Amino acid sequence: MTRLHAVLIGVNKYADITIPDLSYARADALAFAELFGQALYASSVQVHSLVDDQATRSGIIDLVGVRLARIVDPRDAVLIFFAGHGSPEIHPGLDKVSRFLVCHDTQRHALLSSAIEVHTDLARLASRLNARLVVFILDACFSGYSDGRGITGPLLAEQRRTHRPRIRLENLPLGSGTIFLSACADDEVAREDGTLGHGVFSYYLLEQLRSPGATNVIGLASLYDLVFHQVRDYSNGRQNPVLWGDLKGAGLPRLLIPGSDHG
């Protein structure tokens, strides 16, 4: 039997007092968890939620890279959702900007050892999952601008005082069957919105996944196109989601609830 493993991570609160807390990242993750748990196909879904102080670097890596890796079947699909701060940072002696997911216990002055690096750590985790499809969804940003879900690493912040390096989003070498859907481009801000009660990207992603369609599966290309236009319009063009990876007909089940108008 094909199963969907949903790992839902949301971090509002950070142990490092220099990292500003967020308002709706936890709500984003828990909203996905609730819908997955109530959906028509809930018996075929395993939901794993990590929020706030549960979402440590070691906790995330252990859940995905160890516990989940033991039970995933080649017929299965894995969705890993992260809502929280992202951070760009440079390494001493290297003219390269790395992108990090900021965990609850991340230390701003030690991102390499206490955060999750998108390029290396997520690639390593994906390689351990023997699944037919792995989808990463990131409601975080890597521009380092304020007022959103992003912080700047201290070394990059120091370098920016004299010049601003160009940060480019590159296709990550994550292997076949791995897809990334991200809240915005590298030079943009992933916004939260009090009116919506969520991150803007997460709100419209949830809206589309729980909307009815001709089938109970929505293709990732179609999902991206719908969410892209809604987020761009809501943000007046300031936030533009990004999709990359090997799609080839990949899709996600719609989050339809039994007994609802859509179920």
Protein backbone atom coordinates (compact mmCIF):
# COMPACT_ATOMS: atom_id res chain seq x y z
CA MET A 1 0.00 0.00 0.00
CA THR A 2 1.29 3.44 -0.92
CA ARG A 3 1.67 5.76 2.04
CA LEU A 4 2.33 9.45 2.42
CA HIS A 5 4.68 10.53 5.19
CA ALA A 6 4.14 14.19 6.12
CA VAL A 7 6.80 15.91 8.24
CA LEU A 8 5.45 19.29 9.34
CA ILE A 9 7.86 21.70 11.02
CA GLY A 10 6.99 25.16 12.32
CA VAL A 11 9.20 27.40 14.46
CA ASN A 12 7.89 30.58 16.09
CA LYS A 13 10.18 30.62 19.13
CA TYR A 14 13.99 30.64 19.07
CA ALA A 15 16.37 29.97 21.94
CA ASP A 16 18.89 32.53 20.65
CA ILE A 17 17.57 35.93 21.75
CA THR A 18 19.22 37.60 18.74
CA ILE A 19 16.87 35.69 16.41
CA PRO A 20 13.46 37.38 16.29
CA ASP A 21 10.45 35.21 17.02
CA LEU A 22 7.80 34.69 14.34
CA SER A 23 4.02 34.77 14.69
CA TYR A 24 2.49 32.18 12.37
CA ALA A 25 5.05 29.49 11.46
CA ARG A 26 3.71 27.16 14.15
CA ALA A 27 0.14 27.79 12.95
CA ASP A 28 1.17 26.90 9.40
CA ALA A 29 2.62 23.53 10.42
CA LEU A 30 -0.29 22.66 12.71
CA ALA A 31 -2.86 23.59 10.05
CA PHE A 32 -1.23 21.14 7.65
CA ALA A 33 -1.08 18.50 10.39
CA GLU A 34 -4.79 18.90 11.18
CA LEU A 35 -5.82 18.65 7.55
CA PHE A 36 -3.64 15.62 6.85
CA GLY A 37 -5.05 13.94 9.96
CA GLN A 38 -8.66 14.54 8.91
CA ALA A 39 -8.40 13.98 5.16
CA LEU A 40 -10.24 11.28 3.23
CA TYR A 41 -7.07 9.21 2.92
CA ALA A 42 -5.90 9.74 6.55
CA SER A 43 -5.47 5.99 7.08
CA SER A 44 -2.69 6.03 4.47
CA VAL A 45 -0.92 9.06 5.96
CA GLN A 46 1.63 9.20 8.73
CA VAL A 47 1.85 12.70 10.19
CA HIS A 48 4.92 13.84 12.12
CA SER A 49 4.82 17.34 13.63
CA LEU A 50 7.73 19.24 15.16
CA VAL A 51 6.97 22.73 16.46
CA ASP A 52 8.98 25.27 18.44
CA ASP A 53 11.26 23.57 20.99
CA GLN A 54 10.66 20.16 19.36
CA ALA A 55 12.14 21.48 16.11
CA THR A 56 15.81 21.31 17.04
CA ARG A 57 18.49 20.51 14.49
CA SER A 58 19.09 17.06 15.92
CA GLY A 59 15.36 16.42 16.29
CA ILE A 60 14.66 17.18 12.64
CA ILE A 61 17.62 15.18 11.34
CA ASP A 62 16.81 12.22 13.60
CA LEU A 63 13.15 12.17 12.54
CA VAL A 64 13.79 12.41 8.80
CA GLY A 65 17.18 10.79 8.40
CA VAL A 66 16.87 7.98 10.93
CA ARG A 67 13.33 7.14 12.05
CA LEU A 68 11.57 7.93 8.78
CA ALA A 69 14.34 6.36 6.70
CA ARG A 70 13.69 3.04 8.48
CA ILE A 71 10.03 2.82 7.50
CA VAL A 72 9.74 4.48 4.07
CA ASP A 73 8.89 2.10 1.24
CA PRO A 74 9.88 2.63 -2.44
CA ARG A 75 6.18 3.05 -3.22
CA ASP A 76 5.79 5.85 -0.66
CA ALA A 77 5.87 9.63 -0.97
CA VAL A 78 7.39 12.00 1.59
CA LEU A 79 6.44 15.62 2.13
CA ILE A 80 8.66 17.76 4.34
CA PHE A 81 7.21 21.19 5.19
CA PHE A 82 9.26 23.82 7.02
CA ALA A 83 7.94 27.18 8.21
CA GLY A 84 10.41 29.42 9.99
CA HIS A 85 13.43 31.61 9.43
CA GLY A 86 15.88 30.97 6.63
CA SER A 87 19.32 32.53 6.58
CA PRO A 88 22.04 33.17 3.99
CA GLU A 89 25.61 33.02 5.21
CA ILE A 90 29.14 32.88 3.82
CA HIS A 91 32.01 30.75 5.08
CA PRO A 92 35.48 32.15 5.81
CA GLY A 93 37.68 31.89 2.73
CA LEU A 94 34.84 30.80 0.44
CA ASP A 95 33.12 33.07 -2.06
CA LYS A 96 29.86 31.16 -1.75
CA VAL A 97 26.60 31.88 0.01
CA SER A 98 24.98 28.96 1.81
CA ARG A 99 21.32 28.80 2.75
CA PHE A 100 20.23 27.56 6.16
CA LEU A 101 16.95 26.59 7.78
CA VAL A 102 16.96 28.08 11.28
CA CYS A 103 15.93 25.58 13.96
CA HIS A 104 14.69 26.32 17.47
CA ASP A 105 18.16 25.80 18.95
CA THR A 106 20.13 27.44 16.13
CA GLN A 107 22.79 29.90 17.23
CA ARG A 108 23.08 32.86 14.90
CA HIS A 109 26.88 32.95 15.21
CA ALA A 110 27.20 29.20 14.55
CA LEU A 111 24.86 28.50 11.65
CA LEU A 112 27.04 25.80 10.13
CA SER A 113 26.89 23.61 13.22
CA SER A 114 23.46 24.49 14.59
CA ALA A 115 21.21 25.09 11.54
CA ILE A 116 20.24 22.87 8.60
CA GLU A 117 22.05 23.71 5.39
CA VAL A 118 19.76 23.41 2.39
CA HIS A 119 22.42 22.28 -0.07
CA THR A 120 24.19 19.61 1.97
CA ASP A 121 21.94 18.57 4.85
CA LEU A 122 18.70 18.31 2.86
CA ALA A 123 20.52 16.48 0.08
CA ARG A 124 21.82 13.99 2.63
CA LEU A 125 18.37 13.52 4.16
CA ALA A 126 16.72 13.05 0.75
CA SER A 127 19.30 10.43 -0.20
CA ARG A 128 18.37 8.39 2.89
CA LEU A 129 14.66 8.25 1.98
CA ASN A 130 13.93 5.27 -0.24
CA ALA A 131 10.73 6.86 -1.57
CA ARG A 132 9.41 7.35 -5.09
CA LEU A 133 8.84 11.05 -4.41
CA VAL A 134 10.27 13.53 -1.89
CA VAL A 135 8.79 17.03 -1.78
CA PHE A 136 10.31 19.82 0.28
CA ILE A 137 8.10 22.85 0.89
CA LEU A 138 9.87 25.81 2.52
CA ASP A 139 8.02 28.85 3.84
CA ALA A 140 11.25 30.65 4.64
CA CYS A 141 13.46 33.12 2.79
CA PHE A 142 17.17 33.42 2.16
CA SER A 143 17.56 37.10 1.26
CA GLY A 144 18.46 38.16 4.79
CA TYR A 145 16.04 41.09 4.60
CA SER A 146 14.11 41.97 7.75
CA ASP A 147 10.32 41.94 8.24
CA GLY A 148 9.89 38.38 7.05
CA ARG A 149 11.01 34.82 7.61
CA GLY A 150 14.71 35.43 7.21
CA ILE A 151 17.78 36.53 9.13
CA THR A 152 21.31 37.32 7.94
CA GLY A 153 24.34 35.34 9.08
CA PRO A 154 26.90 37.53 10.89
CA LEU A 155 29.72 37.01 8.37
CA LEU A 156 27.49 37.91 5.44
CA ALA A 157 26.12 40.90 7.36
CA GLU A 158 29.67 42.14 7.87
CA GLN A 159 30.50 41.71 4.19
CA ARG A 160 27.35 43.54 3.16
CA ARG A 161 28.55 46.64 4.96
CA THR A 162 31.01 47.12 2.10
CA HIS A 163 29.33 45.38 -0.83
CA ARG A 164 26.31 43.20 -1.46
CA PRO A 165 27.11 39.84 -3.09
CA ARG A 166 24.57 38.49 -5.50
CA ILE A 167 22.73 35.47 -4.20
CA ARG A 168 21.43 33.14 -6.88
CA LEU A 169 19.03 30.26 -6.49
CA GLU A 170 20.54 27.16 -8.08
CA ASN A 171 19.05 23.77 -8.74
CA LEU A 172 20.17 21.62 -5.86
CA PRO A 173 21.68 18.17 -6.56
CA LEU A 174 19.08 16.27 -4.59
CA GLY A 175 18.60 13.29 -6.87
CA SER A 176 15.78 11.97 -8.98
CA GLY A 177 12.25 12.34 -7.69
CA THR A 178 13.03 15.25 -5.38
CA ILE A 179 11.16 18.54 -5.70
CA PHE A 180 11.42 21.89 -3.96
CA LEU A 181 8.63 24.44 -3.59
CA SER A 182 9.84 27.58 -1.89
CA ALA A 183 7.98 30.66 -0.67
CA CYS A 184 9.97 33.21 -2.65
CA ALA A 185 13.04 33.95 -4.74
CA ASP A 186 16.41 34.41 -3.07
CA ASP A 187 16.24 38.20 -3.12
CA GLU A 188 12.71 38.41 -1.71
CA VAL A 189 11.02 38.20 1.70
CA ALA A 190 8.72 35.36 2.80
CA ARG A 191 6.00 37.35 4.51
CA GLU A 192 3.68 36.63 7.40
CA ASP A 193 0.26 38.26 7.51
CA GLY A 194 -1.92 38.88 10.56
CA THR A 195 -5.08 39.13 8.46
CA LEU A 196 -4.46 35.65 7.06
CA GLY A 197 -3.10 34.25 10.33
CA HIS A 198 -0.39 32.41 8.38
CA GLY A 199 2.59 32.94 6.19
CA VAL A 200 1.26 34.27 2.88
CA PHE A 201 2.72 31.34 0.94
CA SER A 202 1.42 28.73 3.41
CA TYR A 203 -2.06 30.26 3.44
CA TYR A 204 -2.54 29.97 -0.31
CA LEU A 205 -0.88 26.56 -0.43
CA LEU A 206 -3.36 25.30 2.17
CA GLU A 207 -6.22 26.94 0.28
CA GLN A 208 -5.36 25.12 -2.94
CA LEU A 209 -4.73 21.74 -1.32
CA ARG A 210 -8.12 21.76 0.38
CA SER A 211 -9.99 22.91 -2.73
CA PRO A 212 -11.92 20.33 -4.80
CA GLY A 213 -10.84 19.33 -8.28
CA ALA A 214 -11.58 16.84 -11.02
CA THR A 215 -9.46 14.28 -9.16
CA ASN A 216 -8.24 13.86 -5.59
CA VAL A 217 -4.67 14.62 -6.69
CA ILE A 218 -3.33 17.98 -7.81
CA GLY A 219 -0.22 18.05 -9.98
CA LEU A 220 2.69 19.95 -8.48
CA ALA A 221 3.08 22.04 -11.62
CA SER A 222 -0.59 23.06 -11.43
CA LEU A 223 -0.37 23.64 -7.68
CA TYR A 224 2.66 25.85 -8.13
CA ASP A 225 1.04 27.89 -10.89
CA LEU A 226 -2.06 28.58 -8.80
CA VAL A 227 -0.14 29.44 -5.63
CA PHE A 228 2.40 31.54 -7.53
CA HIS A 229 -0.25 33.87 -8.95
CA GLN A 230 -2.15 34.17 -5.67
CA VAL A 231 0.97 34.99 -3.64
CA ARG A 232 2.28 37.39 -6.25
CA ASP A 233 -1.04 39.20 -6.46
CA TYR A 234 -1.49 39.40 -2.69
CA SER A 235 2.03 40.76 -2.21
CA ASN A 236 1.78 43.18 -5.15
CA GLY A 237 4.58 41.36 -6.93
CA ARG A 238 7.01 41.46 -4.01
CA GLN A 239 6.90 37.71 -3.27
CA ASN A 240 7.17 35.12 -6.03
CA PRO A 241 7.28 31.41 -5.10
CA VAL A 242 9.85 29.17 -6.79
CA LEU A 243 9.56 25.55 -7.95
CA TRP A 244 12.38 23.33 -9.12
CA GLY A 245 13.17 19.66 -9.42
CA ASP A 246 12.19 16.65 -11.51
CA LEU A 247 8.38 16.89 -11.75
CA LYS A 248 7.44 14.20 -14.33
CA GLY A 249 3.79 14.00 -13.35
CA ALA A 250 4.36 14.39 -9.61
CA GLY A 251 1.38 15.45 -7.52
CA LEU A 252 0.01 15.74 -4.00
CA PRO A 253 -3.34 14.52 -2.66
CA ARG A 254 -5.95 17.18 -2.02
CA LEU A 255 -6.70 17.67 1.67
CA LEU A 256 -10.43 16.93 1.43
CA ILE A 257 -12.27 16.19 4.67
CA PRO A 258 -15.09 13.59 4.93
CA GLY A 259 -18.50 15.18 5.45
CA SER A 260 -17.40 18.62 4.24
CA ASP A 261 -18.83 20.31 1.19
CA HIS A 262 -15.78 19.05 -0.71
CA GLY A 263 -15.44 15.55 0.72
